[in-house]
Amino acid sequence: LRMVYDQLSRDPASLSNLDQDLPNYAQPQIPIFSLPQDWLWCESWCSDSSKATAKTIDLCNHPATKENKLTMAKRIINGSLFEESWVELDEEVKAAEMMGGG
């Protein structure tokens, strides 16, 4: 795996998709298996109904909407599945920064 990484990292063009390229190039030498879908929920390839069982949420770039990640976070991390919405969490951080002088 380190040899494949070393070869890919020499090409500046490959670094933009290294997270995808590394497993694709290494697959013939090293068996790589995908985690079940609920380990990484992403709006691009997962249904809204499967978000309820998601262990992690990836605010991945959605090719159809090209929505920025903060707007996406406000929309996706919201609703009955979450104790706090992104907006509430963001307000907590801002308040803590103001109290701490940050």
C-alpha atoms as a PDB file:
ATOM      1  CA  LEU A   1       0.000   0.000   0.000  1.00  0.00           C
ATOM      2  CA  ARG A   2       2.869   2.382   0.787  1.00  0.00           C
ATOM      3  CA  MET A   3       4.450   1.688  -2.617  1.00  0.00           C
ATOM      4  CA  VAL A   4       1.206   2.482  -4.419  1.00  0.00           C
ATOM      5  CA  TYR A   5       0.790   5.648  -2.339  1.00  0.00           C
ATOM      6  CA  ASP A   6       4.369   6.669  -3.126  1.00  0.00           C
ATOM      7  CA  GLN A   7       3.794   6.206  -6.870  1.00  0.00           C
ATOM      8  CA  LEU A   8       0.507   8.127  -6.845  1.00  0.00           C
ATOM      9  CA  SER A   9       1.794  10.965  -4.673  1.00  0.00           C
ATOM     10  CA  ARG A  10       4.558  11.720  -7.198  1.00  0.00           C
ATOM     11  CA  ASP A  11       1.897  12.778  -9.719  1.00  0.00           C
ATOM     12  CA  PRO A  12       0.390  16.131  -8.639  1.00  0.00           C
ATOM     13  CA  ALA A  13      -2.746  15.429 -10.680  1.00  0.00           C
ATOM     14  CA  SER A  14      -3.493  12.245  -8.743  1.00  0.00           C
ATOM     15  CA  LEU A  15      -3.453  13.964  -5.346  1.00  0.00           C
ATOM     16  CA  SER A  16      -6.806  15.636  -5.960  1.00  0.00           C
ATOM     17  CA  ASN A  17      -8.509  12.224  -5.826  1.00  0.00           C
ATOM     18  CA  LEU A  18      -6.013  10.260  -3.764  1.00  0.00           C
ATOM     19  CA  ASP A  19      -8.749   8.961  -1.452  1.00  0.00           C
ATOM     20  CA  GLN A  20     -10.332   7.333  -4.514  1.00  0.00           C
ATOM     21  CA  ASP A  21      -7.218   6.554  -6.531  1.00  0.00           C
ATOM     22  CA  LEU A  22      -5.313   4.734  -3.787  1.00  0.00           C
ATOM     23  CA  PRO A  23      -7.887   1.963  -3.216  1.00  0.00           C
ATOM     24  CA  ASN A  24      -8.576   1.674  -6.955  1.00  0.00           C
ATOM     25  CA  TYR A  25      -4.907   1.223  -7.857  1.00  0.00           C
ATOM     26  CA  ALA A  26      -4.128  -1.022  -4.876  1.00  0.00           C
ATOM     27  CA  GLN A  27      -7.129  -3.353  -5.272  1.00  0.00           C
ATOM     28  CA  PRO A  28      -5.328  -5.891  -7.532  1.00  0.00           C
ATOM     29  CA  GLN A  29      -2.546  -6.398  -4.952  1.00  0.00           C
ATOM     30  CA  ILE A  30      -4.437  -5.873  -1.682  1.00  0.00           C
ATOM     31  CA  PRO A  31      -8.047  -6.957  -1.220  1.00  0.00           C
ATOM     32  CA  ILE A  32      -9.996  -3.900  -0.091  1.00  0.00           C
ATOM     33  CA  PHE A  33     -13.579  -4.258   1.080  1.00  0.00           C
ATOM     34  CA  SER A  34     -16.192  -1.579   1.495  1.00  0.00           C
ATOM     35  CA  LEU A  35     -17.833  -0.880   4.815  1.00  0.00           C
ATOM     36  CA  PRO A  36     -21.600  -1.261   5.013  1.00  0.00           C
ATOM     37  CA  GLN A  37     -23.409   1.849   3.757  1.00  0.00           C
ATOM     38  CA  ASP A  38     -24.556   2.935   7.233  1.00  0.00           C
ATOM     39  CA  TRP A  39     -20.926   3.618   8.216  1.00  0.00           C
ATOM     40  CA  LEU A  40     -20.698   6.563   5.811  1.00  0.00           C
ATOM     41  CA  TRP A  41     -23.886   8.297   4.747  1.00  0.00           C
ATOM     42  CA  CYS A  42     -23.574  10.745   1.867  1.00  0.00           C
ATOM     43  CA  GLU A  43     -26.468  12.481   0.181  1.00  0.00           C
ATOM     44  CA  SER A  44     -24.967  11.779  -3.260  1.00  0.00           C
ATOM     45  CA  TRP A  45     -25.462   8.028  -3.048  1.00  0.00           C
ATOM     46  CA  CYS A  46     -27.652   7.351   0.024  1.00  0.00           C
ATOM     47  CA  SER A  47     -31.377   7.714   0.505  1.00  0.00           C
ATOM     48  CA  ASP A  48     -32.880  10.111   3.049  1.00  0.00           C
ATOM     49  CA  SER A  49     -34.464   7.159   4.851  1.00  0.00           C
ATOM     50  CA  SER A  50     -31.055   5.515   5.408  1.00  0.00           C
ATOM     51  CA  LYS A  51     -29.754   8.611   7.256  1.00  0.00           C
ATOM     52  CA  ALA A  52     -31.508   7.370  10.422  1.00  0.00           C
ATOM     53  CA  THR A  53     -29.067   4.435  10.707  1.00  0.00           C
ATOM     54  CA  ALA A  54     -25.945   6.364   9.642  1.00  0.00           C
ATOM     55  CA  LYS A  55     -22.961   6.161  11.963  1.00  0.00           C
ATOM     56  CA  THR A  56     -21.201   9.062  10.203  1.00  0.00           C
ATOM     57  CA  ILE A  57     -22.377  11.705   7.755  1.00  0.00           C
ATOM     58  CA  ASP A  58     -20.104  12.895   4.982  1.00  0.00           C
ATOM     59  CA  LEU A  59     -20.895  16.373   3.696  1.00  0.00           C
ATOM     60  CA  CYS A  60     -19.580  15.303   0.316  1.00  0.00           C
ATOM     61  CA  ASN A  61     -19.777  17.457  -2.766  1.00  0.00           C
ATOM     62  CA  HIS A  62     -23.075  16.710  -4.461  1.00  0.00           C
ATOM     63  CA  PRO A  63     -22.466  16.958  -8.218  1.00  0.00           C
ATOM     64  CA  ALA A  64     -26.098  17.814  -8.967  1.00  0.00           C
ATOM     65  CA  THR A  65     -26.390  20.766  -6.554  1.00  0.00           C
ATOM     66  CA  LYS A  66     -22.803  22.023  -6.062  1.00  0.00           C
ATOM     67  CA  GLU A  67     -24.053  23.319  -2.689  1.00  0.00           C
ATOM     68  CA  ASN A  68     -21.380  24.647  -0.339  1.00  0.00           C
ATOM     69  CA  LYS A  69     -20.664  22.583   2.769  1.00  0.00           C
ATOM     70  CA  LEU A  70     -21.936  25.053   5.375  1.00  0.00           C
ATOM     71  CA  THR A  71     -25.279  25.400   3.624  1.00  0.00           C
ATOM     72  CA  MET A  72     -25.398  21.625   3.268  1.00  0.00           C
ATOM     73  CA  ALA A  73     -24.595  21.128   6.975  1.00  0.00           C
ATOM     74  CA  LYS A  74     -27.421  23.461   7.999  1.00  0.00           C
ATOM     75  CA  ARG A  75     -29.834  21.490   5.839  1.00  0.00           C
ATOM     76  CA  ILE A  76     -28.639  17.914   6.460  1.00  0.00           C
ATOM     77  CA  ILE A  77     -27.726  18.058  10.174  1.00  0.00           C
ATOM     78  CA  ASN A  78     -31.185  19.085  11.221  1.00  0.00           C
ATOM     79  CA  GLY A  79     -34.451  17.480  12.264  1.00  0.00           C
ATOM     80  CA  SER A  80     -35.596  14.761  14.611  1.00  0.00           C
ATOM     81  CA  LEU A  81     -32.525  12.553  14.068  1.00  0.00           C
ATOM     82  CA  PHE A  82     -30.267  15.031  15.857  1.00  0.00           C
ATOM     83  CA  GLU A  83     -30.285  16.389  19.416  1.00  0.00           C
ATOM     84  CA  GLU A  84     -29.093  19.748  18.067  1.00  0.00           C
ATOM     85  CA  SER A  85     -29.118  21.202  14.575  1.00  0.00           C
ATOM     86  CA  TRP A  86     -26.013  22.511  12.860  1.00  0.00           C
ATOM     87  CA  VAL A  87     -27.338  26.038  13.407  1.00  0.00           C
ATOM     88  CA  GLU A  88     -27.645  25.441  17.179  1.00  0.00           C
ATOM     89  CA  LEU A  89     -24.169  23.915  17.373  1.00  0.00           C
ATOM     90  CA  ASP A  90     -22.722  26.813  15.394  1.00  0.00           C
ATOM     91  CA  GLU A  91     -24.413  29.328  17.733  1.00  0.00           C
ATOM     92  CA  GLU A  92     -22.949  27.473  20.766  1.00  0.00           C
ATOM     93  CA  VAL A  93     -19.450  27.726  19.300  1.00  0.00           C
ATOM     94  CA  LYS A  94     -19.871  31.433  18.500  1.00  0.00           C
ATOM     95  CA  ALA A  95     -21.103  32.128  22.050  1.00  0.00           C
ATOM     96  CA  ALA A  96     -18.177  30.206  23.563  1.00  0.00           C
ATOM     97  CA  GLU A  97     -15.728  32.121  21.377  1.00  0.00           C
ATOM     98  CA  MET A  98     -17.206  35.432  22.502  1.00  0.00           C
ATOM     99  CA  MET A  99     -17.018  34.408  26.182  1.00  0.00           C
ATOM    100  CA  GLY A 100     -13.417  33.287  25.769  1.00  0.00           C
ATOM    101  CA  GLY A 101     -12.398  36.294  23.740  1.00  0.00           C
ATOM    102  CA  GLY A 102     -11.789  34.142  20.635  1.00  0.00           C
END
